[in-house]
N, C-alpha and C. Protein backbone atom coordinates (compact mmCIF):
# COMPACT_ATOMS: atom_id res chain seq x y z
N UNK A 1 19.41 196.47 143.36
CA UNK A 1 19.03 196.86 144.29
C UNK A 1 19.50 196.53 145.69
N UNK A 2 19.82 195.62 145.86
CA UNK A 2 20.54 194.77 147.19
C UNK A 2 21.85 195.18 147.13
N UNK A 3 22.49 195.89 146.33
CA UNK A 3 24.10 196.01 146.33
C UNK A 3 23.91 197.25 146.87
N UNK A 4 23.24 198.06 146.37
CA UNK A 4 22.92 199.70 147.19
C UNK A 4 22.27 199.75 148.51
N UNK A 5 21.61 199.24 149.11
CA UNK A 5 21.42 198.70 150.38
C UNK A 5 23.13 198.38 150.96
N UNK A 6 23.84 197.65 150.68
CA UNK A 6 24.84 197.23 151.27
C UNK A 6 25.99 198.39 151.26
N UNK A 7 26.00 198.55 150.14
CA UNK A 7 26.96 199.95 149.97
C UNK A 7 26.62 200.99 150.83
N UNK A 8 25.69 201.01 151.03
CA UNK A 8 25.07 202.36 152.16
C UNK A 8 25.13 202.20 153.58
N UNK A 9 24.86 200.99 154.00
CA UNK A 9 25.30 200.36 155.17
C UNK A 9 26.48 200.46 155.19
N UNK A 10 27.25 199.70 154.39
CA UNK A 10 29.22 199.79 154.95
C UNK A 10 29.91 200.49 153.79
N UNK A 11 29.95 201.71 153.82
CA UNK A 11 30.52 202.44 152.95
C UNK A 11 31.99 202.18 153.01
N UNK A 12 32.69 202.09 153.95
CA UNK A 12 34.07 201.97 154.23
C UNK A 12 34.39 200.65 153.77
N UNK A 13 33.62 199.41 153.63
CA UNK A 13 33.86 198.39 152.99
C UNK A 13 34.08 198.17 151.53
N UNK A 14 33.42 199.23 150.71
CA UNK A 14 33.51 199.73 149.05
C UNK A 14 34.57 200.71 149.02
N UNK A 15 34.49 201.46 150.41
CA UNK A 15 35.93 202.67 149.77
C UNK A 15 37.32 201.31 149.73
N UNK A 16 37.18 200.46 150.54
CA UNK A 16 38.35 199.59 150.73
C UNK A 16 38.40 198.64 149.42
N UNK A 17 37.52 198.07 149.33
CA UNK A 17 37.65 197.37 147.86
C UNK A 17 38.01 198.66 146.46
N UNK A 18 37.48 199.61 146.59
CA UNK A 18 38.10 200.45 145.19
C UNK A 18 39.37 200.76 145.38
N UNK A 19 39.79 201.42 146.79
CA UNK A 19 41.23 200.94 147.15
C UNK A 19 42.23 200.19 146.59
N UNK A 20 41.94 198.86 146.95
CA UNK A 20 42.31 197.62 146.76
C UNK A 20 42.69 197.46 144.84
N UNK A 21 41.17 197.67 144.56
CA UNK A 21 41.37 197.16 142.82
C UNK A 21 42.21 198.52 142.39
N UNK A 22 41.97 199.49 142.75
CA UNK A 22 43.10 200.98 142.20
C UNK A 22 44.53 200.11 142.22
N UNK A 23 44.79 199.55 143.16
CA UNK A 23 46.54 199.55 143.51
C UNK A 23 46.71 198.10 142.90
N UNK A 24 46.31 197.15 142.87
CA UNK A 24 46.28 196.05 142.30
C UNK A 24 46.47 196.19 140.76
N UNK A 25 45.14 196.72 140.43
CA UNK A 25 45.24 197.22 138.63
C UNK A 25 46.71 198.13 138.19
N UNK A 26 46.86 198.96 139.11
CA UNK A 26 48.42 199.63 139.19
C UNK A 26 49.46 198.55 138.97
N UNK A 27 49.79 198.10 139.80
CA UNK A 27 50.56 196.82 140.04
C UNK A 27 50.59 195.91 139.14
N UNK A 28 49.19 195.38 138.31
CA UNK A 28 49.27 194.61 137.12
C UNK A 28 49.69 195.06 136.09
N UNK A 29 49.30 196.45 135.97
CA UNK A 29 50.15 197.22 134.52
C UNK A 29 51.27 197.55 134.64
N UNK A 30 52.18 197.47 135.96
CA UNK A 30 53.32 197.92 135.84
C UNK A 30 54.22 196.32 135.74
N UNK A 31 53.97 195.24 136.05
CA UNK A 31 54.43 193.93 136.07
C UNK A 31 54.15 193.36 134.71
N UNK A 32 53.52 194.20 133.85
CA UNK A 32 52.94 193.46 132.64
C UNK A 32 54.14 193.63 131.61
N UNK A 33 54.74 192.59 131.05
CA UNK A 33 56.08 192.44 130.29
C UNK A 33 55.74 193.25 129.15
N UNK A 34 56.45 193.89 128.43
CA UNK A 34 56.47 194.77 126.89
C UNK A 34 57.26 194.43 126.29
N UNK A 35 57.04 193.63 124.94
CA UNK A 35 58.16 193.46 123.90
C UNK A 35 57.46 193.68 122.69
N UNK A 36 58.34 194.17 121.65
CA UNK A 36 57.80 194.07 120.67
C UNK A 36 57.32 192.62 119.78
N UNK A 37 58.17 191.58 120.63
CA UNK A 37 58.51 189.99 120.06
C UNK A 37 58.39 189.51 121.05
N UNK A 38 57.02 189.28 121.84
CA UNK A 38 56.94 188.72 123.19
C UNK A 38 57.64 186.94 122.99
N UNK A 39 57.61 186.51 123.76
CA UNK A 39 58.21 185.18 123.46
C UNK A 39 57.05 184.30 123.70
N UNK A 40 56.78 183.86 122.45
CA UNK A 40 55.46 182.63 122.39
C UNK A 40 55.90 181.40 122.07
N UNK A 41 55.70 180.58 123.22
CA UNK A 41 56.09 179.29 122.70
C UNK A 41 55.38 178.65 121.98
N UNK A 42 56.20 178.04 120.59
CA UNK A 42 55.50 177.77 119.38
C UNK A 42 56.53 176.15 119.49
N UNK A 43 55.66 175.28 120.17
CA UNK A 43 56.33 173.60 120.56
C UNK A 43 56.44 172.71 119.06
N UNK A 44 56.97 173.52 118.06
CA UNK A 44 56.75 172.78 116.65
C UNK A 44 58.20 172.32 116.17
N UNK A 45 59.01 171.71 115.64
CA UNK A 45 60.24 171.63 115.04
C UNK A 45 59.99 171.27 113.74
N UNK A 46 60.62 171.55 112.73
CA UNK A 46 60.73 171.10 111.61
C UNK A 46 62.22 170.44 110.86
N UNK A 47 62.13 168.92 110.60
CA UNK A 47 63.36 168.60 110.12
C UNK A 47 62.67 168.09 108.36
N UNK A 48 64.18 168.79 107.76
CA UNK A 48 64.08 168.79 106.28
C UNK A 48 65.36 167.81 106.06
N UNK A 49 64.64 166.78 105.42
CA UNK A 49 65.67 166.02 104.34
C UNK A 49 65.68 165.85 103.29
N UNK A 50 66.77 166.29 102.12
CA UNK A 50 66.86 166.47 100.54
C UNK A 50 67.73 165.02 100.26
N UNK A 51 67.48 164.56 99.20
CA UNK A 51 68.18 163.84 98.55
C UNK A 51 67.28 163.93 97.01
N UNK A 52 68.43 164.28 96.17
CA UNK A 52 68.27 164.92 94.95
C UNK A 52 67.78 163.87 93.98
N UNK A 53 66.50 164.45 93.48
CA UNK A 53 66.43 162.96 92.46
C UNK A 53 65.24 161.73 92.85
N UNK A 54 65.14 161.75 94.18
CA UNK A 54 64.30 160.72 94.72
C UNK A 54 62.97 160.89 94.33
N UNK A 55 61.93 160.46 94.18
CA UNK A 55 60.36 160.35 94.07
C UNK A 55 60.18 160.72 94.92
N UNK A 56 58.90 160.75 95.43
CA UNK A 56 58.30 161.11 96.46
C UNK A 56 58.22 159.88 97.45
N UNK A 57 57.60 158.84 96.17
CA UNK A 57 57.24 157.67 97.25
C UNK A 57 58.23 156.93 97.57
N UNK A 58 59.29 156.99 97.15
CA UNK A 58 61.03 156.67 97.57
C UNK A 58 61.47 157.27 98.74
N UNK A 59 61.20 158.56 98.48
CA UNK A 59 61.46 159.74 99.67
C UNK A 59 60.70 159.18 100.80
N UNK A 60 59.36 158.92 100.78
CA UNK A 60 58.56 158.56 102.16
C UNK A 60 59.03 157.07 102.58
N UNK A 61 59.16 156.44 101.61
CA UNK A 61 59.95 154.66 102.15
C UNK A 61 61.05 154.87 102.79
N UNK A 62 62.10 155.51 102.10
CA UNK A 62 63.68 155.33 102.24
C UNK A 62 64.00 155.92 103.57
N UNK A 63 63.59 157.73 103.32
CA UNK A 63 63.79 158.58 104.18
C UNK A 63 63.01 158.89 105.70
N UNK A 64 61.88 159.54 105.28
CA UNK A 64 60.58 159.85 106.01
C UNK A 64 60.18 158.61 106.85
N UNK A 65 59.81 157.55 106.61
CA UNK A 65 58.92 156.33 107.14
C UNK A 65 60.45 156.03 108.32
N UNK A 66 61.33 155.62 107.86
CA UNK A 66 62.57 155.49 108.79
C UNK A 66 62.80 156.82 110.20
N UNK A 67 62.49 157.73 109.83
CA UNK A 67 62.84 158.74 110.52
C UNK A 67 61.57 158.71 111.32
N UNK A 68 60.71 158.81 111.39
CA UNK A 68 58.92 158.78 112.01
C UNK A 68 59.29 157.75 113.02
N UNK A 69 59.67 156.52 112.34
CA UNK A 69 59.82 155.41 113.43
C UNK A 69 60.49 155.72 114.24
N UNK A 70 61.35 156.33 114.32
CA UNK A 70 62.49 156.44 115.37
C UNK A 70 62.38 157.26 116.40
N UNK A 71 61.68 158.42 116.05
CA UNK A 71 61.40 159.83 116.84
C UNK A 71 60.87 159.29 118.01
N UNK A 72 59.31 158.75 117.72
CA UNK A 72 58.70 158.58 119.54
C UNK A 72 59.47 157.61 120.12
N UNK A 73 60.66 157.03 119.66
CA UNK A 73 61.76 156.23 120.90
C UNK A 73 62.30 157.03 121.80
N UNK A 74 62.88 158.16 121.25
CA UNK A 74 64.13 159.00 121.29
C UNK A 74 63.93 160.23 121.50
N UNK A 75 62.71 160.69 121.19
CA UNK A 75 62.08 162.30 121.69
C UNK A 75 61.35 162.08 122.82
N UNK A 76 61.24 163.20 123.61
CA UNK A 76 60.27 162.87 124.70
C UNK A 76 59.36 163.92 124.24
N UNK A 77 58.05 163.62 124.86
CA UNK A 77 56.92 164.94 124.73
C UNK A 77 56.11 165.17 123.43
N UNK A 78 56.38 164.11 122.25
CA UNK A 78 55.45 164.33 121.35
C UNK A 78 54.19 164.46 121.05
N UNK A 79 53.81 165.60 120.78
CA UNK A 79 52.01 165.12 120.58
C UNK A 79 51.98 164.87 119.48
N UNK A 80 52.39 164.85 118.21
CA UNK A 80 51.84 164.67 116.95
C UNK A 80 52.92 164.67 115.87
N UNK A 81 53.00 163.50 114.88
CA UNK A 81 54.02 164.20 113.87
C UNK A 81 53.29 164.23 112.53
N UNK A 82 53.46 164.96 111.69
CA UNK A 82 52.88 164.87 110.42
C UNK A 82 54.62 165.56 109.21
N UNK A 83 54.16 164.62 108.19
CA UNK A 83 55.11 164.47 107.31
C UNK A 83 54.58 164.94 105.84
N UNK A 84 55.49 165.40 105.17
CA UNK A 84 55.18 165.51 103.37
C UNK A 84 56.42 165.16 102.86
N UNK A 85 55.95 164.57 101.82
CA UNK A 85 57.46 163.72 101.22
C UNK A 85 57.00 164.16 99.62
N UNK A 86 58.02 165.26 98.83
CA UNK A 86 58.17 165.50 97.56
C UNK A 86 59.22 165.09 96.69
N UNK A 87 59.46 165.94 95.35
CA UNK A 87 60.59 165.32 94.91
C UNK A 87 61.67 165.91 95.56
N UNK A 88 62.51 164.86 95.85
CA UNK A 88 63.64 165.30 96.35
C UNK A 88 63.78 165.71 97.93
N UNK A 89 62.90 166.37 98.15
CA UNK A 89 62.41 166.60 99.70
C UNK A 89 61.32 166.14 100.67
N UNK A 90 61.73 165.76 101.88
CA UNK A 90 60.86 165.26 102.87
C UNK A 90 61.01 166.20 104.13
N UNK A 91 59.78 166.82 104.53
CA UNK A 91 59.42 167.93 105.63
C UNK A 91 58.70 167.26 106.81
N UNK A 92 59.49 166.83 107.85
CA UNK A 92 58.47 166.02 108.78
C UNK A 92 58.24 167.61 110.13
N UNK A 93 57.23 167.59 110.04
CA UNK A 93 56.96 168.30 111.19
C UNK A 93 56.57 167.82 112.52
N UNK A 94 57.26 168.18 113.90
CA UNK A 94 56.89 167.42 114.79
C UNK A 94 56.67 168.61 116.44
N UNK A 95 54.88 167.77 116.66
CA UNK A 95 54.39 168.82 117.21
C UNK A 95 54.83 168.28 118.90
N UNK A 96 55.10 169.12 119.70
CA UNK A 96 55.32 168.58 121.00
C UNK A 96 54.10 169.28 121.97
N UNK A 97 53.88 168.77 122.92
CA UNK A 97 53.32 169.31 123.91
C UNK A 97 53.67 170.60 124.48
N UNK A 98 52.65 171.48 125.27
CA UNK A 98 53.06 172.95 125.25
C UNK A 98 53.71 172.99 126.69
N UNK A 99 53.97 172.04 127.15
CA UNK A 99 54.84 172.06 128.34
C UNK A 99 56.69 171.97 128.31
N UNK A 100 56.56 171.46 126.91
CA UNK A 100 57.98 170.93 126.81
C UNK A 100 58.88 171.73 126.80
N UNK A 101 60.33 171.73 126.77
CA UNK A 101 61.49 172.20 127.17
C UNK A 101 61.89 172.21 125.64
N UNK A 102 61.63 173.05 124.71
CA UNK A 102 62.19 173.20 123.13
C UNK A 102 63.58 172.99 123.17
N UNK A 103 64.33 173.24 123.96
CA UNK A 103 65.74 173.11 123.82
C UNK A 103 66.19 171.90 123.93
N UNK A 104 65.86 171.27 125.07
CA UNK A 104 65.85 169.77 124.96
C UNK A 104 65.53 168.79 123.84
N UNK A 105 64.13 169.21 123.70
CA UNK A 105 63.45 168.69 122.46
C UNK A 105 64.32 168.91 121.11
N UNK A 106 64.91 170.39 121.13
CA UNK A 106 65.50 169.92 119.85
C UNK A 106 66.74 169.60 119.82
N UNK A 107 67.44 169.26 121.14
CA UNK A 107 68.56 168.75 120.97
C UNK A 107 68.68 167.00 120.63
N UNK A 108 67.15 166.83 121.28
CA UNK A 108 66.95 165.19 121.13
C UNK A 108 66.92 164.87 119.81
N UNK A 109 66.19 165.91 118.77
CA UNK A 109 65.69 165.66 117.69
C UNK A 109 66.93 165.70 116.59
N UNK A 110 67.61 166.54 116.99
CA UNK A 110 68.89 166.88 115.77
C UNK A 110 70.20 165.47 116.31
N UNK A 111 70.26 164.89 117.68
CA UNK A 111 70.67 163.93 117.97
C UNK A 111 70.13 162.89 117.11
N UNK A 112 69.19 162.41 116.91
CA UNK A 112 68.48 161.11 116.71
C UNK A 112 68.63 161.52 115.08
N UNK A 113 68.71 162.84 114.52
CA UNK A 113 68.86 162.73 113.06
C UNK A 113 70.21 162.70 112.61
N UNK A 114 71.09 163.17 113.45
CA UNK A 114 72.26 162.49 113.17
C UNK A 114 72.63 161.29 112.72
N UNK A 115 72.05 160.25 114.29
CA UNK A 115 72.37 159.06 114.19
C UNK A 115 71.60 158.26 113.30
N UNK A 116 70.66 158.69 112.90
CA UNK A 116 69.85 157.65 111.67
C UNK A 116 70.52 158.07 110.35
N UNK A 117 71.49 159.17 110.30
CA UNK A 117 71.74 159.44 108.77
C UNK A 117 72.81 158.16 108.15
N UNK A 118 73.14 157.41 109.24
CA UNK A 118 74.04 156.38 108.66
C UNK A 118 73.22 154.98 107.98
N UNK A 119 72.06 155.05 108.57
CA UNK A 119 71.16 153.81 107.98
C UNK A 119 70.71 154.42 107.15
N UNK A 120 70.07 155.81 106.07
CA UNK A 120 69.67 156.15 105.18
C UNK A 120 70.51 155.80 103.98
N UNK A 121 69.61 156.06 102.86
CA UNK A 121 70.85 155.90 101.29
C UNK A 121 72.11 156.40 101.49
N UNK A 122 73.04 156.23 100.76
CA UNK A 122 74.04 156.58 100.58
C UNK A 122 73.97 157.73 99.82
N UNK A 123 74.46 159.54 100.39
CA UNK A 123 74.04 160.54 99.54
C UNK A 123 73.54 161.26 100.00
N UNK A 124 72.77 161.12 101.28
CA UNK A 124 71.38 161.46 101.98
C UNK A 124 72.59 162.88 102.47
N UNK A 125 71.94 164.23 102.38
CA UNK A 125 72.58 165.09 103.36
C UNK A 125 71.81 165.61 104.51
N UNK A 126 72.89 165.81 105.49
CA UNK A 126 72.32 165.97 106.74
C UNK A 126 71.16 166.96 106.87
N UNK A 127 69.89 166.44 107.41
CA UNK A 127 68.70 167.31 107.67
C UNK A 127 68.57 168.75 108.30
N UNK A 128 68.09 169.58 107.50
CA UNK A 128 67.90 171.07 108.17
C UNK A 128 66.87 170.92 109.17
N UNK A 129 67.43 171.16 110.71
CA UNK A 129 66.02 171.30 111.45
C UNK A 129 65.89 172.66 112.19
N UNK A 130 64.80 172.94 111.95
CA UNK A 130 64.53 174.34 112.36
C UNK A 130 63.33 174.65 113.71
N UNK A 131 63.73 175.40 114.27
CA UNK A 131 62.51 175.37 115.77
C UNK A 131 61.75 176.76 115.22
N UNK A 132 60.35 176.89 115.57
CA UNK A 132 59.60 177.99 115.77
C UNK A 132 59.52 179.06 116.46
N UNK A 133 59.87 180.19 116.27
CA UNK A 133 59.58 181.18 117.20
C UNK A 133 58.68 182.64 116.66
N UNK A 134 58.20 183.46 117.79
CA UNK A 134 57.50 184.50 117.10
C UNK A 134 58.02 184.98 115.89
N UNK A 135 59.52 185.11 116.05
CA UNK A 135 60.02 186.01 115.23
C UNK A 135 60.84 185.10 113.87
N UNK A 136 60.47 183.78 113.89
CA UNK A 136 60.59 183.08 112.61
C UNK A 136 59.59 182.94 111.88
N UNK A 137 58.18 182.67 112.05
CA UNK A 137 56.67 182.59 111.18
C UNK A 137 56.75 183.93 110.84
N UNK A 138 56.46 183.89 109.21
CA UNK A 138 56.26 184.94 108.42
C UNK A 138 54.94 185.78 108.92
N UNK A 139 54.95 186.96 108.53
CA UNK A 139 54.13 187.96 108.78
C UNK A 139 53.15 188.10 107.34
N UNK A 140 54.47 188.32 106.22
CA UNK A 140 53.41 188.53 105.24
C UNK A 140 54.54 188.44 103.83
N UNK A 141 54.01 188.05 103.28
CA UNK A 141 55.08 187.36 101.71
C UNK A 141 54.33 188.87 100.47
N UNK A 142 55.29 188.44 100.19
CA UNK A 142 54.95 189.57 98.80
C UNK A 142 55.23 188.76 97.73
N UNK A 143 54.77 189.31 96.60
CA UNK A 143 55.01 188.67 95.19
C UNK A 143 55.04 189.99 94.39
N UNK A 144 56.06 189.70 93.71
CA UNK A 144 56.18 190.80 92.25
C UNK A 144 56.14 190.11 91.20
N UNK A 145 55.61 190.47 90.17
CA UNK A 145 55.62 189.93 88.26
C UNK A 145 55.43 191.01 87.64
N UNK A 146 55.95 190.79 86.37
CA UNK A 146 56.24 192.20 85.64
C UNK A 146 56.25 191.29 84.32
N UNK A 147 55.37 191.79 83.13
CA UNK A 147 55.60 191.46 81.56
C UNK A 147 56.82 191.82 80.92
N UNK A 148 57.50 193.13 81.39
CA UNK A 148 58.86 193.65 81.03
C UNK A 148 59.67 194.17 81.89
N UNK A 149 59.76 194.08 83.15
CA UNK A 149 61.03 193.76 83.69
C UNK A 149 61.78 192.55 83.86
N UNK A 150 62.67 192.30 83.94
CA UNK A 150 63.56 191.12 83.85
C UNK A 150 63.65 190.68 85.47
N UNK A 151 63.67 189.37 85.98
CA UNK A 151 63.56 188.97 87.05
C UNK A 151 64.42 189.39 87.48
N UNK A 152 65.73 189.73 87.84
CA UNK A 152 66.80 190.16 88.22
C UNK A 152 66.33 191.76 88.71
N UNK A 153 65.90 192.77 87.59
CA UNK A 153 65.34 194.03 88.13
C UNK A 153 64.04 193.76 89.32
N UNK A 154 63.24 192.98 89.20
CA UNK A 154 62.42 192.97 89.91
C UNK A 154 62.84 192.69 91.38
N UNK A 155 63.81 191.34 91.58
CA UNK A 155 64.03 191.35 92.56
C UNK A 155 65.25 192.62 93.30
N UNK A 156 65.90 193.24 92.17
CA UNK A 156 66.42 194.68 92.87
C UNK A 156 65.09 195.37 93.66
N UNK A 157 64.23 196.07 92.43
CA UNK A 157 63.03 196.49 92.98
C UNK A 157 62.36 196.45 94.45
N UNK A 158 62.37 195.01 94.52
CA UNK A 158 61.56 194.58 95.86
C UNK A 158 62.84 194.57 96.96
N UNK A 159 64.08 194.44 96.43
CA UNK A 159 65.20 194.84 97.73
C UNK A 159 65.03 196.02 98.08
N UNK A 160 65.01 197.31 97.22
CA UNK A 160 65.36 198.26 97.54
C UNK A 160 63.86 199.15 97.80
N UNK A 161 62.94 198.51 97.58
CA UNK A 161 61.74 198.96 98.69
C UNK A 161 61.20 198.34 99.71
N UNK A 162 61.74 197.12 99.90
CA UNK A 162 61.44 196.52 101.52
C UNK A 162 62.31 197.34 102.33
N UNK A 163 63.85 197.46 101.72
CA UNK A 163 64.67 198.50 102.60
C UNK A 163 64.23 199.48 102.73
N UNK A 164 63.42 200.46 102.42
CA UNK A 164 62.52 201.59 102.48
C UNK A 164 61.25 201.46 103.30
N UNK A 165 60.58 200.45 103.39
CA UNK A 165 59.60 200.32 104.11
C UNK A 165 59.99 199.92 105.27
N UNK A 166 61.15 199.20 105.93
CA UNK A 166 61.55 198.24 106.71
C UNK A 166 62.06 199.18 107.74
N UNK A 167 62.77 199.94 107.05
CA UNK A 167 63.58 201.01 107.95
C UNK A 167 62.57 202.36 108.26
């Protein structure tokens, strides 16, 4: 009830507020960026090491642990590190603080991965280093199976249908 009294006693103030709201709202709508894939900062880098035939326990001890030990000393703005060792594969996810410049962090990770490669077991392949963006994160996964069709025919069918749906 009090706001009605103020509005009746000072009508020009409320008209100015309404016009100001209209102008600022229009400016906000015009200046808001629009994009199919907006730039979403996902500060995560994955490093995938491969060494064919190495057991998960040996993979963790000979490749993952040395890499994890050297990361915090050479790469800036690390929030935390997660690793998973499988048969012949090690995946290390490096989570950064939200304010990190991902390009600099990515170059630091690549540099230390190439440097430590000399100290790893002979035959270790250079790692695959991946940086996540909104366009690289999968949205949907399609699985096809059949008792009658061969794997090649299923692949062809999936590729043709995907092209028709995506176009």
